[in-house]
Amino acid sequence: MNNWPNFTESELTCSCCGENNPNIEFGELMDKVQDLRTHLGFPFKVTSAYRCPDHPIEAKKDKHGQHTVAAIDIAVYHEQAHKLLTAAMEMGFTGIGINQKGSYNQRFIHLDMRDSTPTVWSY
């Protein structure tokens, strides 16, 4: 059972092995994501959360990405994407990736709490 009422365990586990994220940082991130969800008042569909180091996407990278520590991708577009982006920046998320092109079912916003300088990028 997780501590985040708007997100299921299956949404947050690795899609290749079914493992839960063991990192303390993930709990801290999800507390902020739950606050964001509560603040905005509309549901979030999670497209990717934890990825183990063996996950096919992470295994291709020279250095494992934020999803092996604490990150989440949320399917969102149009007005909800704008609202989510604005609130995420106000709430202090420090890693924000934006993919808002192509078909609607491929659009998402990535959120994490990296230690480095706040960063925004597009895919």
N, C-alpha and C. Protein backbone atom coordinates (compact mmCIF):
# COMPACT_ATOMS: atom_id res chain seq x y z
N MET A 1 0.85 -1.19 0.00
CA MET A 1 0.00 0.00 0.00
C MET A 1 0.88 1.24 0.00
N ASN A 2 0.60 2.18 -0.89
CA ASN A 2 1.40 3.41 -0.93
C ASN A 2 0.71 4.51 -0.13
N ASN A 3 1.43 5.61 0.05
CA ASN A 3 0.95 6.74 0.84
C ASN A 3 0.31 7.83 0.01
N TRP A 4 0.05 7.54 -1.25
CA TRP A 4 -0.44 8.56 -2.18
C TRP A 4 -1.78 8.11 -2.76
N PRO A 5 -2.89 8.60 -2.21
CA PRO A 5 -4.21 8.07 -2.53
C PRO A 5 -4.62 8.20 -3.99
N ASN A 6 -4.04 9.12 -4.75
CA ASN A 6 -4.44 9.28 -6.14
C ASN A 6 -3.60 8.49 -7.13
N PHE A 7 -2.71 7.64 -6.61
CA PHE A 7 -1.82 6.88 -7.48
C PHE A 7 -1.78 5.43 -7.03
N THR A 8 -1.89 4.51 -7.99
CA THR A 8 -1.88 3.09 -7.65
C THR A 8 -0.45 2.56 -7.59
N GLU A 9 -0.29 1.50 -6.87
CA GLU A 9 1.02 0.84 -6.77
C GLU A 9 1.54 0.45 -8.15
N SER A 10 0.65 -0.06 -8.99
CA SER A 10 1.09 -0.51 -10.32
C SER A 10 1.56 0.64 -11.20
N GLU A 11 1.01 1.84 -11.01
CA GLU A 11 1.48 3.00 -11.77
C GLU A 11 2.91 3.38 -11.42
N LEU A 12 3.31 3.10 -10.19
CA LEU A 12 4.58 3.60 -9.68
C LEU A 12 5.72 2.59 -9.73
N THR A 13 5.42 1.35 -10.04
CA THR A 13 6.46 0.32 -10.07
C THR A 13 7.09 0.21 -11.45
N CYS A 14 8.24 -0.42 -11.50
CA CYS A 14 8.95 -0.61 -12.77
C CYS A 14 8.13 -1.52 -13.68
N SER A 15 7.96 -1.09 -14.91
CA SER A 15 7.15 -1.86 -15.85
C SER A 15 7.86 -3.12 -16.36
N CYS A 16 9.17 -3.20 -16.19
CA CYS A 16 9.86 -4.40 -16.69
C CYS A 16 10.02 -5.48 -15.63
N CYS A 17 10.11 -5.09 -14.35
CA CYS A 17 10.33 -6.11 -13.31
C CYS A 17 9.29 -6.09 -12.19
N GLY A 18 8.48 -5.03 -12.14
CA GLY A 18 7.45 -4.92 -11.12
C GLY A 18 7.96 -4.51 -9.74
N GLU A 19 9.22 -4.13 -9.65
CA GLU A 19 9.79 -3.73 -8.37
C GLU A 19 9.37 -2.31 -8.00
N ASN A 20 9.32 -2.06 -6.68
CA ASN A 20 9.06 -0.72 -6.17
C ASN A 20 10.36 0.07 -6.11
N ASN A 21 10.24 1.36 -6.17
CA ASN A 21 11.41 2.23 -6.07
C ASN A 21 11.92 2.20 -4.63
N PRO A 22 13.18 1.81 -4.42
CA PRO A 22 13.72 1.71 -3.06
C PRO A 22 14.27 3.02 -2.50
N ASN A 23 14.30 4.07 -3.28
CA ASN A 23 14.97 5.31 -2.89
C ASN A 23 14.10 6.23 -2.05
N ILE A 24 14.68 6.80 -1.01
CA ILE A 24 14.00 7.76 -0.15
C ILE A 24 13.53 8.96 -0.98
N GLU A 25 14.34 9.35 -1.96
CA GLU A 25 14.01 10.50 -2.80
C GLU A 25 12.69 10.30 -3.54
N PHE A 26 12.36 9.04 -3.86
CA PHE A 26 11.12 8.79 -4.57
C PHE A 26 9.92 9.12 -3.68
N GLY A 27 9.98 8.75 -2.42
CA GLY A 27 8.90 9.10 -1.48
C GLY A 27 8.73 10.60 -1.35
N GLU A 28 9.85 11.31 -1.29
CA GLU A 28 9.81 12.76 -1.20
C GLU A 28 9.20 13.37 -2.47
N LEU A 29 9.60 12.84 -3.63
CA LEU A 29 9.02 13.30 -4.89
C LEU A 29 7.52 13.05 -4.92
N MET A 30 7.11 11.84 -4.56
CA MET A 30 5.70 11.50 -4.63
C MET A 30 4.86 12.30 -3.64
N ASP A 31 5.41 12.68 -2.51
CA ASP A 31 4.69 13.57 -1.60
C ASP A 31 4.38 14.89 -2.31
N LYS A 32 5.35 15.41 -3.06
CA LYS A 32 5.14 16.66 -3.80
C LYS A 32 4.16 16.45 -4.96
N VAL A 33 4.25 15.30 -5.63
CA VAL A 33 3.33 15.00 -6.75
C VAL A 33 1.91 14.89 -6.21
N GLN A 34 1.73 14.25 -5.06
CA GLN A 34 0.40 14.14 -4.46
C GLN A 34 -0.12 15.53 -4.10
N ASP A 35 0.73 16.39 -3.55
CA ASP A 35 0.33 17.77 -3.24
C ASP A 35 -0.08 18.50 -4.52
N LEU A 36 0.68 18.29 -5.59
CA LEU A 36 0.38 18.90 -6.89
C LEU A 36 -0.98 18.43 -7.39
N ARG A 37 -1.22 17.14 -7.31
CA ARG A 37 -2.49 16.55 -7.76
C ARG A 37 -3.66 17.12 -6.95
N THR A 38 -3.48 17.20 -5.64
CA THR A 38 -4.52 17.74 -4.77
C THR A 38 -4.79 19.21 -5.10
N HIS A 39 -3.73 19.96 -5.29
CA HIS A 39 -3.84 21.39 -5.61
C HIS A 39 -4.58 21.61 -6.93
N LEU A 40 -4.24 20.83 -7.95
CA LEU A 40 -4.83 21.04 -9.27
C LEU A 40 -6.25 20.49 -9.39
N GLY A 41 -6.55 19.42 -8.67
CA GLY A 41 -7.91 18.90 -8.66
C GLY A 41 -8.34 18.11 -9.89
N PHE A 42 -7.39 17.69 -10.72
CA PHE A 42 -7.75 16.79 -11.82
C PHE A 42 -6.82 15.59 -11.82
N PRO A 43 -7.30 14.44 -12.31
CA PRO A 43 -6.49 13.22 -12.24
C PRO A 43 -5.28 13.27 -13.17
N PHE A 44 -4.23 12.57 -12.75
CA PHE A 44 -3.01 12.42 -13.54
C PHE A 44 -2.89 10.96 -13.97
N LYS A 45 -2.62 10.73 -15.22
CA LYS A 45 -2.28 9.40 -15.68
C LYS A 45 -0.75 9.30 -15.73
N VAL A 46 -0.21 8.40 -14.95
CA VAL A 46 1.24 8.20 -14.91
C VAL A 46 1.63 7.30 -16.07
N THR A 47 2.56 7.76 -16.89
CA THR A 47 3.05 6.93 -18.00
C THR A 47 4.36 6.25 -17.65
N SER A 48 5.10 6.79 -16.70
CA SER A 48 6.35 6.17 -16.26
C SER A 48 6.73 6.77 -14.92
N ALA A 49 7.11 5.91 -13.98
CA ALA A 49 7.62 6.38 -12.70
C ALA A 49 8.97 5.69 -12.49
N TYR A 50 9.04 4.73 -11.59
CA TYR A 50 10.31 4.05 -11.34
C TYR A 50 10.71 3.17 -12.52
N ARG A 51 11.99 3.24 -12.87
CA ARG A 51 12.59 2.32 -13.84
C ARG A 51 13.85 1.74 -13.20
N CYS A 52 13.90 0.44 -13.08
CA CYS A 52 15.10 -0.20 -12.53
C CYS A 52 16.26 0.00 -13.52
N PRO A 53 17.49 -0.18 -13.08
CA PRO A 53 18.64 -0.01 -13.98
C PRO A 53 18.59 -0.94 -15.20
N ASP A 54 17.87 -2.06 -15.11
CA ASP A 54 17.77 -3.00 -16.24
C ASP A 54 16.61 -2.69 -17.18
N HIS A 55 15.79 -1.71 -16.84
CA HIS A 55 14.68 -1.33 -17.71
C HIS A 55 15.24 -1.00 -19.09
N PRO A 56 14.57 -1.41 -20.17
CA PRO A 56 15.11 -1.20 -21.52
C PRO A 56 15.50 0.25 -21.83
N ILE A 57 14.75 1.23 -21.34
CA ILE A 57 15.10 2.63 -21.60
C ILE A 57 16.37 3.01 -20.84
N GLU A 58 16.46 2.61 -19.58
CA GLU A 58 17.63 2.95 -18.77
C GLU A 58 18.87 2.19 -19.21
N ALA A 59 18.70 0.95 -19.63
CA ALA A 59 19.84 0.12 -20.05
C ALA A 59 20.55 0.69 -21.28
N LYS A 60 19.84 1.47 -22.09
CA LYS A 60 20.44 2.07 -23.29
C LYS A 60 21.31 3.28 -22.97
N LYS A 61 21.17 3.84 -21.78
CA LYS A 61 21.86 5.08 -21.43
C LYS A 61 23.27 4.79 -20.90
N ASP A 62 24.20 5.72 -21.16
CA ASP A 62 25.54 5.62 -20.60
C ASP A 62 25.50 5.74 -19.08
N LYS A 63 24.66 6.65 -18.62
CA LYS A 63 24.47 6.88 -17.18
C LYS A 63 22.98 6.81 -16.92
N HIS A 64 22.58 6.04 -15.91
CA HIS A 64 21.16 5.90 -15.63
C HIS A 64 20.53 7.25 -15.33
N GLY A 65 19.28 7.41 -15.76
CA GLY A 65 18.57 8.67 -15.62
C GLY A 65 17.86 8.82 -14.29
N GLN A 66 17.15 9.92 -14.18
CA GLN A 66 16.42 10.26 -12.95
C GLN A 66 15.36 9.23 -12.59
N HIS A 67 14.82 8.50 -13.57
CA HIS A 67 13.77 7.51 -13.26
C HIS A 67 14.29 6.37 -12.40
N THR A 68 15.60 6.15 -12.36
CA THR A 68 16.14 5.11 -11.47
C THR A 68 16.23 5.61 -10.03
N VAL A 69 16.12 6.93 -9.85
CA VAL A 69 16.18 7.51 -8.51
C VAL A 69 14.78 8.01 -8.11
N ALA A 70 14.31 9.05 -8.80
CA ALA A 70 13.01 9.63 -8.45
C ALA A 70 12.54 10.55 -9.56
N ALA A 71 11.63 10.08 -10.37
CA ALA A 71 11.04 10.88 -11.44
C ALA A 71 9.69 10.30 -11.81
N ILE A 72 8.88 11.11 -12.45
CA ILE A 72 7.56 10.65 -12.89
C ILE A 72 7.20 11.37 -14.18
N ASP A 73 6.56 10.65 -15.10
CA ASP A 73 6.03 11.23 -16.33
C ASP A 73 4.51 11.17 -16.24
N ILE A 74 3.89 12.30 -16.54
CA ILE A 74 2.44 12.43 -16.42
C ILE A 74 1.85 12.76 -17.78
N ALA A 75 0.90 11.94 -18.23
CA ALA A 75 0.21 12.19 -19.50
C ALA A 75 -0.73 13.37 -19.32
N VAL A 76 -0.46 14.43 -20.09
CA VAL A 76 -1.26 15.64 -19.97
C VAL A 76 -1.03 16.49 -21.21
N TYR A 77 -2.04 17.26 -21.60
CA TYR A 77 -1.90 18.13 -22.76
C TYR A 77 -2.89 19.29 -22.65
N HIS A 78 -2.73 20.26 -23.54
CA HIS A 78 -3.56 21.47 -23.63
C HIS A 78 -3.60 22.22 -22.31
N GLU A 79 -4.79 22.64 -21.90
CA GLU A 79 -4.95 23.47 -20.73
C GLU A 79 -4.41 22.81 -19.46
N GLN A 80 -4.62 21.49 -19.32
CA GLN A 80 -4.12 20.82 -18.14
C GLN A 80 -2.60 20.80 -18.10
N ALA A 81 -1.95 20.69 -19.27
CA ALA A 81 -0.48 20.75 -19.32
C ALA A 81 0.00 22.11 -18.83
N HIS A 82 -0.65 23.15 -19.26
CA HIS A 82 -0.26 24.50 -18.85
C HIS A 82 -0.43 24.66 -17.34
N LYS A 83 -1.56 24.22 -16.81
CA LYS A 83 -1.82 24.32 -15.37
C LYS A 83 -0.80 23.50 -14.58
N LEU A 84 -0.52 22.28 -15.05
CA LEU A 84 0.44 21.42 -14.35
C LEU A 84 1.83 22.05 -14.38
N LEU A 85 2.26 22.54 -15.52
CA LEU A 85 3.57 23.16 -15.65
C LEU A 85 3.70 24.38 -14.73
N THR A 86 2.72 25.24 -14.74
CA THR A 86 2.74 26.44 -13.89
C THR A 86 2.83 26.06 -12.42
N ALA A 87 1.99 25.14 -11.98
CA ALA A 87 1.98 24.74 -10.58
C ALA A 87 3.26 24.02 -10.20
N ALA A 88 3.79 23.17 -11.08
CA ALA A 88 5.03 22.44 -10.79
C ALA A 88 6.19 23.41 -10.57
N MET A 89 6.26 24.44 -11.38
CA MET A 89 7.31 25.44 -11.21
C MET A 89 7.12 26.20 -9.91
N GLU A 90 5.89 26.56 -9.59
CA GLU A 90 5.61 27.28 -8.34
C GLU A 90 5.93 26.42 -7.12
N MET A 91 5.73 25.10 -7.24
CA MET A 91 5.95 24.20 -6.11
C MET A 91 7.40 23.75 -5.98
N GLY A 92 8.25 24.17 -6.88
CA GLY A 92 9.68 23.91 -6.72
C GLY A 92 10.22 22.64 -7.32
N PHE A 93 9.50 22.02 -8.26
CA PHE A 93 10.09 20.88 -8.97
C PHE A 93 11.30 21.42 -9.74
N THR A 94 12.43 20.73 -9.70
CA THR A 94 13.66 21.26 -10.28
C THR A 94 14.04 20.62 -11.61
N GLY A 95 13.41 19.55 -11.99
CA GLY A 95 13.60 18.93 -13.30
C GLY A 95 12.25 18.82 -13.98
N ILE A 96 12.09 19.52 -15.10
CA ILE A 96 10.81 19.50 -15.82
C ILE A 96 11.09 19.30 -17.30
N GLY A 97 10.63 18.17 -17.81
CA GLY A 97 10.75 17.87 -19.23
C GLY A 97 9.37 17.94 -19.87
N ILE A 98 9.31 18.52 -21.06
CA ILE A 98 8.02 18.76 -21.70
C ILE A 98 7.99 18.12 -23.07
N ASN A 99 7.01 17.27 -23.30
CA ASN A 99 6.74 16.72 -24.62
C ASN A 99 5.28 17.00 -24.93
N GLN A 100 5.05 18.01 -25.75
CA GLN A 100 3.69 18.43 -26.08
C GLN A 100 3.47 18.49 -27.59
N LYS A 101 4.17 17.62 -28.32
CA LYS A 101 3.98 17.57 -29.77
C LYS A 101 3.56 16.16 -30.15
N GLY A 102 3.01 16.02 -31.33
CA GLY A 102 2.58 14.71 -31.79
C GLY A 102 1.20 14.36 -31.27
N SER A 103 0.88 13.08 -31.34
CA SER A 103 -0.45 12.63 -30.93
C SER A 103 -0.65 12.83 -29.42
N TYR A 104 -1.89 13.07 -29.04
CA TYR A 104 -2.19 13.36 -27.64
C TYR A 104 -1.77 12.25 -26.70
N ASN A 105 -1.87 11.01 -27.13
CA ASN A 105 -1.53 9.90 -26.23
C ASN A 105 -0.02 9.75 -26.03
N GLN A 106 0.79 10.55 -26.72
CA GLN A 106 2.23 10.54 -26.55
C GLN A 106 2.75 11.77 -25.78
N ARG A 107 1.86 12.67 -25.42
CA ARG A 107 2.27 13.90 -24.75
C ARG A 107 2.37 13.67 -23.24
N PHE A 108 3.37 14.31 -22.64
CA PHE A 108 3.56 14.16 -21.19
C PHE A 108 4.44 15.29 -20.66
N ILE A 109 4.45 15.39 -19.34
CA ILE A 109 5.39 16.26 -18.62
C ILE A 109 6.11 15.39 -17.61
N HIS A 110 7.44 15.49 -17.63
CA HIS A 110 8.32 14.78 -16.70
C HIS A 110 8.60 15.70 -15.52
N LEU A 111 8.55 15.15 -14.31
CA LEU A 111 8.87 15.91 -13.11
C LEU A 111 9.88 15.15 -12.26
N ASP A 112 10.87 15.87 -11.73
CA ASP A 112 11.78 15.29 -10.76
C ASP A 112 12.29 16.39 -9.84
N MET A 113 13.09 15.99 -8.87
CA MET A 113 13.64 16.91 -7.88
C MET A 113 15.16 16.81 -7.87
N ARG A 114 15.79 16.95 -9.01
CA ARG A 114 17.25 16.86 -9.11
C ARG A 114 17.92 17.90 -8.23
N ASP A 115 19.13 17.58 -7.79
CA ASP A 115 19.88 18.46 -6.90
C ASP A 115 20.55 19.63 -7.62
N SER A 116 20.68 19.53 -8.91
CA SER A 116 21.39 20.56 -9.66
C SER A 116 20.50 21.79 -9.89
N THR A 117 21.01 22.72 -10.64
CA THR A 117 20.27 23.92 -11.00
C THR A 117 18.94 23.54 -11.63
N PRO A 118 17.85 24.23 -11.28
CA PRO A 118 16.57 23.92 -11.92
C PRO A 118 16.70 23.92 -13.44
N THR A 119 16.11 22.90 -14.05
CA THR A 119 16.28 22.67 -15.47
C THR A 119 14.93 22.37 -16.12
N VAL A 120 14.69 22.98 -17.28
CA VAL A 120 13.52 22.69 -18.10
C VAL A 120 14.03 22.33 -19.48
N TRP A 121 13.48 21.26 -20.06
CA TRP A 121 13.89 20.84 -21.40
C TRP A 121 12.69 20.33 -22.17
N SER A 122 12.85 20.20 -23.48
CA SER A 122 11.79 19.62 -24.30
C SER A 122 12.32 18.36 -24.95
N TYR A 123 11.41 17.46 -25.28
CA TYR A 123 11.76 16.21 -25.95
C TYR A 123 11.51 16.36 -27.44
